[in-house]
N, C-alpha and C. Protein backbone atom coordinates (compact mmCIF):
# COMPACT_ATOMS: atom_id res chain seq x y z
N UNK A 1 1.16 -1.06 -0.33
CA UNK A 1 0.15 0.06 0.02
C UNK A 1 0.72 1.21 0.04
N UNK A 2 0.59 2.32 -0.93
CA UNK A 2 1.39 3.25 -1.05
C UNK A 2 1.16 4.23 -0.04
N UNK A 3 1.54 4.45 1.37
CA UNK A 3 1.38 5.06 2.27
C UNK A 3 2.30 5.20 3.04
N UNK A 4 3.48 4.79 3.16
CA UNK A 4 4.74 4.91 4.21
C UNK A 4 4.36 6.22 4.55
N UNK A 5 4.79 6.10 6.25
CA UNK A 5 4.74 7.09 6.76
C UNK A 5 3.48 7.95 7.05
N UNK A 6 2.38 7.30 6.99
CA UNK A 6 0.87 7.49 7.25
C UNK A 6 0.81 6.96 8.63
N UNK A 7 0.36 7.49 9.84
CA UNK A 7 0.03 7.06 10.99
C UNK A 7 -1.12 6.24 11.05
N UNK A 8 -2.09 6.95 10.33
CA UNK A 8 -3.67 6.33 10.39
C UNK A 8 -4.17 7.16 9.45
N UNK A 9 -5.55 6.87 9.29
CA UNK A 9 -6.53 7.40 7.99
C UNK A 9 -7.97 7.52 9.23
N UNK A 10 -8.51 8.43 8.58
CA UNK A 10 -9.97 8.96 9.47
C UNK A 10 -10.74 9.44 8.38
N UNK A 11 -11.91 8.88 8.00
CA UNK A 11 -13.31 9.08 7.31
C UNK A 11 -13.98 10.23 8.43
N UNK A 12 -13.98 11.10 7.75
CA UNK A 12 -14.86 12.07 8.47
C UNK A 12 -16.10 12.33 7.61
N UNK A 13 -17.26 12.31 7.83
CA UNK A 13 -18.32 12.23 6.95
C UNK A 13 -18.29 11.24 5.61
N UNK A 14 -18.23 11.93 4.29
CA UNK A 14 -17.50 11.07 3.46
C UNK A 14 -16.54 11.17 2.91
N UNK A 15 -15.61 11.69 3.64
CA UNK A 15 -14.08 11.84 3.09
C UNK A 15 -13.38 10.80 3.85
N UNK A 16 -12.14 10.31 3.22
CA UNK A 16 -11.06 9.84 3.80
C UNK A 16 -10.09 10.59 3.66
N UNK A 17 -9.18 10.83 5.13
CA UNK A 17 -8.16 11.62 4.89
C UNK A 17 -7.03 10.95 5.71
N UNK A 18 -5.55 11.56 5.52
CA UNK A 18 -4.43 10.61 5.87
C UNK A 18 -4.41 11.69 7.26
N UNK A 19 -3.09 11.29 7.87
CA UNK A 19 -2.69 12.39 8.98
C UNK A 19 -2.49 13.78 8.35
N UNK A 20 -1.82 13.77 7.25
CA UNK A 20 -1.64 15.16 6.75
C UNK A 20 -2.98 15.82 6.49
N UNK A 21 -4.07 15.48 6.33
CA UNK A 21 -5.05 16.03 5.92
C UNK A 21 -5.34 16.08 4.44
N UNK A 22 -4.44 15.18 4.05
CA UNK A 22 -4.63 14.93 2.74
C UNK A 22 -5.93 13.96 1.95
N UNK A 23 -6.73 14.31 1.26
CA UNK A 23 -7.79 13.35 0.87
C UNK A 23 -7.25 12.24 0.22
N UNK A 24 -7.40 10.94 0.76
CA UNK A 24 -7.37 9.70 0.13
C UNK A 24 -8.35 9.19 -0.70
N UNK A 25 -9.78 9.27 -0.28
CA UNK A 25 -10.89 9.00 -0.96
C UNK A 25 -12.15 9.49 -0.32
N UNK A 26 -13.11 9.41 -1.18
CA UNK A 26 -14.04 10.40 -1.15
C UNK A 26 -15.58 9.76 -1.70
N UNK A 27 -16.83 9.50 -1.12
CA UNK A 27 -18.01 8.87 -1.67
C UNK A 27 -18.70 10.00 -1.91
N UNK A 28 -19.56 10.05 -3.05
CA UNK A 28 -20.35 10.89 -3.16
C UNK A 28 -21.43 9.97 -4.35
N UNK A 29 -22.65 10.06 -3.98
CA UNK A 29 -24.17 9.50 -4.67
C UNK A 29 -23.84 7.89 -4.54
N UNK A 30 -22.95 7.21 -3.83
CA UNK A 30 -22.65 5.75 -3.64
C UNK A 30 -22.05 5.62 -4.53
N UNK A 31 -20.94 6.27 -4.66
CA UNK A 31 -19.38 6.21 -5.64
C UNK A 31 -18.40 6.38 -4.82
N UNK A 32 -17.50 5.52 -4.77
CA UNK A 32 -16.35 5.80 -3.84
C UNK A 32 -15.44 6.09 -4.74
N UNK A 33 -14.71 7.55 -4.73
CA UNK A 33 -13.95 8.00 -5.45
C UNK A 33 -12.58 8.15 -5.07
N UNK A 34 -11.31 7.41 -5.50
CA UNK A 34 -10.02 7.30 -5.23
C UNK A 34 -8.96 7.12 -6.18
N UNK A 35 -7.91 7.99 -6.08
CA UNK A 35 -6.77 7.75 -7.37
C UNK A 35 -7.47 7.82 -8.72
N UNK A 36 -7.84 6.78 -9.31
CA UNK A 36 -8.40 7.11 -11.01
C UNK A 36 -9.36 6.10 -10.86
N UNK A 37 -9.39 5.44 -9.40
CA UNK A 37 -11.02 4.20 -9.31
C UNK A 37 -12.07 4.91 -9.20
N UNK A 38 -13.24 4.36 -9.70
CA UNK A 38 -14.49 4.73 -9.25
C UNK A 38 -15.31 3.18 -8.92
N UNK A 39 -15.77 3.15 -7.93
CA UNK A 39 -16.37 2.23 -7.23
C UNK A 39 -17.83 2.42 -6.89
N UNK A 40 -18.71 1.65 -7.44
CA UNK A 40 -20.14 2.23 -7.23
C UNK A 40 -20.75 1.06 -6.08
N UNK A 41 -21.08 1.52 -5.06
CA UNK A 41 -21.63 0.86 -3.76
C UNK A 41 -22.73 0.78 -3.79
N UNK A 42 -23.44 -0.52 -3.19
CA UNK A 42 -24.68 -0.85 -2.83
C UNK A 42 -24.82 -1.45 -1.44
N UNK A 43 -25.75 -1.22 -0.78
CA UNK A 43 -25.59 -1.83 0.73
C UNK A 43 -26.66 -1.83 1.10
N UNK A 44 -27.16 -2.93 1.66
CA UNK A 44 -28.22 -3.18 2.61
C UNK A 44 -27.90 -3.36 4.19
N UNK A 45 -28.18 -2.12 4.78
CA UNK A 45 -28.06 -2.03 6.09
C UNK A 45 -29.08 -2.46 7.14
N UNK A 46 -29.86 -3.22 6.57
CA UNK A 46 -31.27 -3.56 7.34
C UNK A 46 -31.07 -4.04 8.75
N UNK A 47 -31.74 -4.11 9.45
CA UNK A 47 -31.65 -4.53 11.21
C UNK A 47 -31.24 -5.98 10.78
N UNK A 48 -31.60 -6.71 10.43
CA UNK A 48 -31.18 -8.31 10.47
C UNK A 48 -30.22 -8.68 9.74
N UNK A 49 -29.65 -7.87 8.67
CA UNK A 49 -28.75 -8.43 7.90
C UNK A 49 -27.98 -6.94 7.08
N UNK A 50 -26.56 -7.48 7.03
CA UNK A 50 -25.98 -6.35 6.55
C UNK A 50 -25.46 -6.87 5.24
N UNK A 51 -25.23 -6.42 4.30
CA UNK A 51 -24.39 -6.80 3.15
C UNK A 51 -24.07 -5.28 2.01
N UNK A 52 -22.92 -5.28 1.67
CA UNK A 52 -22.35 -4.44 0.76
C UNK A 52 -21.38 -5.19 -0.31
N UNK A 53 -21.79 -4.55 -1.30
CA UNK A 53 -21.04 -4.60 -2.83
C UNK A 53 -20.90 -3.44 -3.82
N UNK A 54 -19.35 -3.59 -4.01
CA UNK A 54 -18.98 -2.36 -4.85
C UNK A 54 -18.45 -2.99 -6.09
N UNK A 55 -18.87 -2.39 -6.96
CA UNK A 55 -18.42 -2.68 -8.48
C UNK A 55 -17.21 -1.78 -9.44
N UNK A 56 -16.14 -1.75 -9.71
CA UNK A 56 -15.21 -0.98 -10.28
C UNK A 56 -15.63 -1.01 -11.79
N UNK A 57 -15.06 0.44 -12.37
CA UNK A 57 -15.74 0.28 -13.70
C UNK A 57 -14.99 -0.74 -14.78
N UNK A 58 -14.31 -1.48 -14.27
CA UNK A 58 -13.83 -2.80 -14.97
C UNK A 58 -14.13 -3.77 -14.85
N UNK A 59 -15.05 -3.84 -13.86
CA UNK A 59 -15.93 -5.26 -13.39
C UNK A 59 -15.57 -5.98 -12.06
N UNK A 60 -14.39 -5.48 -11.57
CA UNK A 60 -14.26 -5.96 -10.35
C UNK A 60 -15.32 -6.00 -9.30
N UNK A 61 -15.49 -7.04 -8.46
CA UNK A 61 -16.44 -6.88 -7.52
C UNK A 61 -15.74 -7.07 -6.14
N UNK A 62 -16.31 -6.23 -5.02
CA UNK A 62 -16.02 -6.30 -3.71
C UNK A 62 -17.00 -6.71 -3.07
N UNK A 63 -17.16 -7.61 -1.80
CA UNK A 63 -18.20 -7.68 -1.21
C UNK A 63 -17.97 -7.78 0.40
N UNK A 64 -19.24 -7.30 1.07
CA UNK A 64 -18.61 -7.68 2.55
C UNK A 64 -20.20 -8.13 3.29
N UNK A 65 -20.32 -9.18 4.09
CA UNK A 65 -21.68 -9.69 4.62
C UNK A 65 -21.19 -10.02 6.22
N UNK A 66 -22.58 -9.96 7.00
CA UNK A 66 -22.35 -10.72 8.20
C UNK A 66 -22.26 -12.02 7.87
N UNK A 67 -21.64 -12.80 8.77
CA UNK A 67 -21.63 -14.26 8.63
C UNK A 67 -21.94 -14.89 9.66
N UNK A 68 -23.22 -14.29 10.38
CA UNK A 68 -23.81 -15.07 11.47
C UNK A 68 -25.02 -14.19 11.61
N UNK A 69 -25.75 -14.21 13.07
CA UNK A 69 -26.87 -13.50 13.44
C UNK A 69 -26.71 -11.91 13.93
N UNK A 70 -25.61 -11.66 14.00
CA UNK A 70 -24.85 -10.36 14.29
C UNK A 70 -23.88 -9.75 13.34
N UNK A 71 -23.73 -8.50 13.49
CA UNK A 71 -22.52 -7.86 12.72
C UNK A 71 -21.29 -8.08 13.29
N UNK A 72 -21.29 -8.83 14.43
CA UNK A 72 -19.93 -8.94 15.22
C UNK A 72 -18.72 -9.54 14.46
N UNK A 73 -19.09 -10.07 13.30
CA UNK A 73 -17.86 -10.58 12.31
C UNK A 73 -18.74 -10.67 10.95
N UNK A 74 -17.64 -10.25 10.13
CA UNK A 74 -18.24 -9.71 8.96
C UNK A 74 -17.07 -10.66 7.86
N UNK A 75 -17.40 -10.94 6.52
CA UNK A 75 -16.66 -11.67 5.74
C UNK A 75 -16.72 -10.80 4.54
N UNK A 76 -15.31 -10.62 3.76
CA UNK A 76 -15.13 -9.74 2.64
C UNK A 76 -14.49 -10.32 1.79
N UNK A 77 -14.83 -10.24 0.47
CA UNK A 77 -13.88 -10.68 -0.78
C UNK A 77 -14.13 -9.44 -1.67
N UNK A 78 -12.58 -9.43 -2.07
CA UNK A 78 -12.29 -8.11 -2.51
C UNK A 78 -11.51 -8.69 -3.72
N UNK A 79 -12.16 -9.04 -4.85
CA UNK A 79 -11.86 -9.29 -5.92
C UNK A 79 -11.05 -10.47 -5.75
N UNK A 80 -11.21 -11.36 -4.85
CA UNK A 80 -10.51 -12.89 -4.82
C UNK A 80 -9.89 -12.70 -3.62
N UNK A 81 -9.36 -11.49 -2.92
CA UNK A 81 -8.76 -11.61 -1.77
C UNK A 81 -10.02 -11.46 -0.65
N UNK A 82 -9.53 -12.50 0.43
CA UNK A 82 -10.36 -12.74 1.67
C UNK A 82 -9.99 -12.11 2.85
N UNK A 83 -11.20 -11.41 3.68
CA UNK A 83 -10.70 -10.90 4.80
C UNK A 83 -11.89 -10.89 5.57
N UNK A 84 -11.67 -11.33 7.07
CA UNK A 84 -12.34 -11.07 8.15
C UNK A 84 -12.28 -9.78 9.03
N UNK A 85 -13.45 -9.37 9.22
CA UNK A 85 -13.74 -8.20 9.91
C UNK A 85 -14.38 -8.55 11.23
N UNK A 86 -13.48 -8.49 12.36
CA UNK A 86 -13.89 -9.20 13.92
C UNK A 86 -14.13 -7.98 14.77
N UNK A 87 -15.53 -7.66 15.72
CA UNK A 87 -14.72 -6.88 16.57
C UNK A 87 -14.04 -7.55 17.71
N UNK A 88 -13.69 -6.38 18.37
CA UNK A 88 -12.49 -7.09 19.24
C UNK A 88 -13.12 -7.07 20.81
N UNK A 89 -14.44 -6.79 20.75
CA UNK A 89 -15.15 -6.97 22.08
C UNK A 89 -16.74 -6.75 21.93
N UNK A 90 -17.56 -7.70 22.47
CA UNK A 90 -19.06 -7.62 22.34
C UNK A 90 -19.65 -6.47 22.71
N UNK A 91 -18.56 -5.68 23.59
CA UNK A 91 -18.91 -4.41 24.18
C UNK A 91 -18.60 -3.07 23.03
N UNK A 92 -17.94 -3.30 22.28
CA UNK A 92 -17.22 -2.30 21.71
C UNK A 92 -17.38 -2.52 19.92
N UNK A 93 -17.58 -1.59 19.12
CA UNK A 93 -17.73 -1.83 17.54
C UNK A 93 -16.23 -1.47 16.92
N UNK A 94 -15.33 -1.19 17.73
CA UNK A 94 -13.84 -1.62 17.11
C UNK A 94 -13.59 -3.01 16.52
N UNK A 95 -12.93 -2.63 15.21
CA UNK A 95 -12.88 -4.02 15.00
C UNK A 95 -11.00 -4.09 14.14
N UNK A 96 -10.75 -5.59 14.17
CA UNK A 96 -9.34 -5.83 13.48
C UNK A 96 -10.15 -6.83 12.24
N UNK A 97 -8.90 -6.15 11.44
CA UNK A 97 -9.48 -6.54 9.67
C UNK A 97 -8.16 -7.71 9.94
N UNK A 98 -8.74 -8.85 9.38
CA UNK A 98 -7.64 -10.04 9.03
C UNK A 98 -7.57 -10.61 7.69
N UNK A 99 -6.41 -10.56 7.45
CA UNK A 99 -6.43 -11.10 5.89
C UNK A 99 -6.40 -12.73 6.00
N UNK A 100 -6.28 -13.58 4.73
CA UNK A 100 -6.52 -15.00 4.57
C UNK A 100 -5.69 -15.63 5.59
N UNK A 101 -4.47 -14.99 6.08
CA UNK A 101 -3.50 -15.90 6.74
C UNK A 101 -3.81 -15.45 8.29
N UNK A 102 -4.71 -14.58 8.75
CA UNK A 102 -5.24 -14.54 10.12
C UNK A 102 -4.26 -13.08 10.42
N UNK A 103 -3.49 -12.68 9.37
CA UNK A 103 -2.96 -11.43 10.27
C UNK A 103 -3.85 -10.00 10.23
N UNK A 104 -3.54 -9.13 11.04
CA UNK A 104 -4.11 -8.25 11.23
C UNK A 104 -3.37 -6.93 10.33
N UNK A 105 -4.47 -6.67 9.32
CA UNK A 105 -3.94 -5.52 8.40
C UNK A 105 -4.44 -4.24 8.84
N UNK A 106 -5.59 -3.96 9.51
CA UNK A 106 -6.04 -2.85 10.11
C UNK A 106 -6.78 -3.22 11.24
N UNK A 107 -7.11 -1.68 12.04
CA UNK A 107 -7.74 -1.46 13.31
C UNK A 107 -8.72 -0.49 12.69
N UNK A 108 -9.91 -0.65 12.75
CA UNK A 108 -11.13 0.03 12.75
C UNK A 108 -11.52 1.00 14.06
N UNK A 109 -11.66 2.02 14.21
CA UNK A 109 -11.87 2.65 15.52
C UNK A 109 -13.24 3.57 15.03
N UNK A 110 -14.26 3.36 15.02
CA UNK A 110 -15.38 4.36 15.23
C UNK A 110 -15.56 5.12 16.47
N UNK A 111 -15.73 6.56 16.46
CA UNK A 111 -16.01 7.28 17.50
C UNK A 111 -17.32 7.63 17.50
N UNK A 112 -17.34 8.29 18.48
CA UNK A 112 -18.64 8.81 19.22
C UNK A 112 -19.07 10.03 17.90
N UNK A 113 -18.17 10.93 17.43
CA UNK A 113 -18.44 12.12 16.63
C UNK A 113 -18.92 11.59 15.67
N UNK A 114 -18.66 10.30 14.93
CA UNK A 114 -19.15 9.68 13.64
C UNK A 114 -17.68 9.57 12.82
N UNK A 115 -16.50 10.21 13.34
CA UNK A 115 -15.42 9.87 12.81
C UNK A 115 -15.03 8.55 12.60
N UNK A 116 -14.45 7.81 11.66
CA UNK A 116 -13.73 6.43 12.10
C UNK A 116 -12.50 6.11 11.64
N UNK A 117 -11.43 6.21 12.62
CA UNK A 117 -10.30 5.84 12.54
C UNK A 117 -10.00 4.72 11.74
N UNK A 118 -8.67 4.47 10.98
CA UNK A 118 -8.27 3.50 10.40
C UNK A 118 -6.54 3.25 10.96
N UNK A 119 -6.38 2.42 11.75
CA UNK A 119 -5.13 2.34 12.32
C UNK A 119 -4.05 0.88 11.58
N UNK A 120 -3.34 1.04 11.20
CA UNK A 120 -2.57 -0.02 10.26
C UNK A 120 -2.19 -1.15 10.96
N UNK A 121 -2.20 -2.33 10.65
CA UNK A 121 -1.84 -3.47 11.61
C UNK A 121 -0.84 -3.79 11.06
N UNK A 122 -0.27 -4.89 11.21
CA UNK A 122 1.11 -5.63 11.29
C UNK A 122 1.36 -5.98 9.86
N UNK A 123 0.07 -6.24 9.10
CA UNK A 123 0.23 -6.68 7.56
C UNK A 123 0.05 -5.52 6.81
N UNK A 124 -0.30 -4.41 7.41
CA UNK A 124 -0.73 -3.23 6.46
C UNK A 124 -0.19 -2.87 5.26
N UNK A 125 1.13 -3.21 5.05
CA UNK A 125 1.66 -2.75 3.83
C UNK A 125 1.50 -3.78 2.60
N UNK A 126 0.92 -5.09 3.18
CA UNK A 126 0.12 -5.97 2.34
C UNK A 126 -0.69 -5.84 1.57
N UNK A 127 -1.54 -4.51 1.94
CA UNK A 127 -3.04 -4.55 1.76
C UNK A 127 -3.29 -3.65 0.75
N UNK A 128 -3.88 -3.64 -0.33
CA UNK A 128 -3.95 -3.21 -1.61
C UNK A 128 -4.94 -2.09 -1.18
N UNK A 129 -4.39 -0.71 -1.79
CA UNK A 129 -4.88 0.25 -1.40
C UNK A 129 -6.68 0.45 -1.83
N UNK A 130 -7.31 -0.52 -2.76
CA UNK A 130 -8.71 -0.36 -2.98
C UNK A 130 -9.63 -1.34 -2.12
N UNK A 131 -8.64 -2.17 -1.34
CA UNK A 131 -8.85 -2.99 -0.43
C UNK A 131 -9.33 -2.60 0.73
N UNK A 132 -8.33 -1.76 1.20
CA UNK A 132 -8.20 -0.60 2.50
C UNK A 132 -9.43 0.57 2.50
N UNK A 133 -9.86 0.91 1.17
CA UNK A 133 -10.91 1.77 1.05
C UNK A 133 -12.07 1.39 1.28
N UNK A 134 -12.29 0.08 0.67
CA UNK A 134 -13.65 -0.72 0.35
C UNK A 134 -13.93 -1.04 1.91
N UNK A 135 -12.88 -1.87 2.48
CA UNK A 135 -13.10 -2.38 3.77
C UNK A 135 -13.35 -1.33 4.73
N UNK A 136 -12.43 -0.52 4.70
CA UNK A 136 -12.98 1.06 5.76
C UNK A 136 -14.37 1.31 5.51
N UNK A 137 -14.52 1.79 4.21
CA UNK A 137 -15.83 2.23 3.89
C UNK A 137 -17.06 1.30 4.70
N UNK A 138 -17.00 -0.04 4.05
CA UNK A 138 -17.92 -0.99 4.68
C UNK A 138 -18.06 -0.81 6.21
N UNK A 139 -16.83 -0.30 7.17
CA UNK A 139 -17.00 -0.45 8.46
C UNK A 139 -17.65 0.98 8.78
N UNK A 140 -17.54 1.98 7.90
CA UNK A 140 -18.42 3.05 8.03
C UNK A 140 -19.99 2.93 8.01
N UNK A 141 -20.17 2.04 7.28
CA UNK A 141 -21.57 2.01 6.56
C UNK A 141 -22.33 1.01 7.88
N UNK A 142 -21.64 -0.08 8.29
CA UNK A 142 -22.08 -0.81 9.68
C UNK A 142 -21.89 -0.31 10.83
N UNK A 143 -20.90 0.49 11.33
CA UNK A 143 -20.30 0.65 12.86
C UNK A 143 -20.71 2.30 13.05
N UNK A 144 -20.66 2.77 11.96
CA UNK A 144 -20.60 4.39 12.45
C UNK A 144 -21.71 4.65 13.30
N UNK A 145 -21.64 5.78 14.18
CA UNK A 145 -23.04 6.24 15.04
C UNK A 145 -23.73 7.18 14.63
N UNK A 146 -22.86 7.83 13.48
CA UNK A 146 -23.82 9.07 12.80
C UNK A 146 -24.27 8.80 11.52
N UNK A 147 -25.27 9.12 11.20
CA UNK A 147 -25.79 8.83 9.61
C UNK A 147 -24.87 9.85 8.81
N UNK A 148 -24.64 9.11 7.84
CA UNK A 148 -23.58 9.98 6.51
C UNK A 148 -24.48 10.87 5.81
N UNK A 149 -24.10 12.02 5.55
CA UNK A 149 -25.37 12.92 4.66
C UNK A 149 -24.70 12.00 3.44
N UNK A 150 -25.97 12.18 2.43
CA UNK A 150 -26.30 11.52 0.80
C UNK A 150 -25.71 13.07 -0.04
N UNK A 151 -24.94 12.83 -0.75
CA UNK A 151 -24.44 13.97 -1.36
C UNK A 151 -24.45 13.18 -3.23
């Protein structure tokens, strides 16, 4: 992932910033924009089931869904790369994102203010940028205590 020296990212509303306050990504009208990528997002944040799906302009598909009765554990497939997004406690909305080998690639920390922090894990450098953006936005959709404005 091309972000050496970045301590962490933060979603503020529909924009993702690095620690220098440079924009990493933004969401507008259910489309995630970053670098030259565009991902159309569809999500089902219903009370009994959470699912999200993103499709890139060239047809790559990214999915996230709960794998049980609660959203405590989510499974994600990012164009063939698999991840598990597991809450760190039943009492908190913080999550670890684990890759297929079980290594922590990121730690997601939703705040009461609605901001959602993305902290690097031990395997952060192995996480493709597109996966990091999709996975962190999925956590905003399912865990953020503040409703995002639709633009």
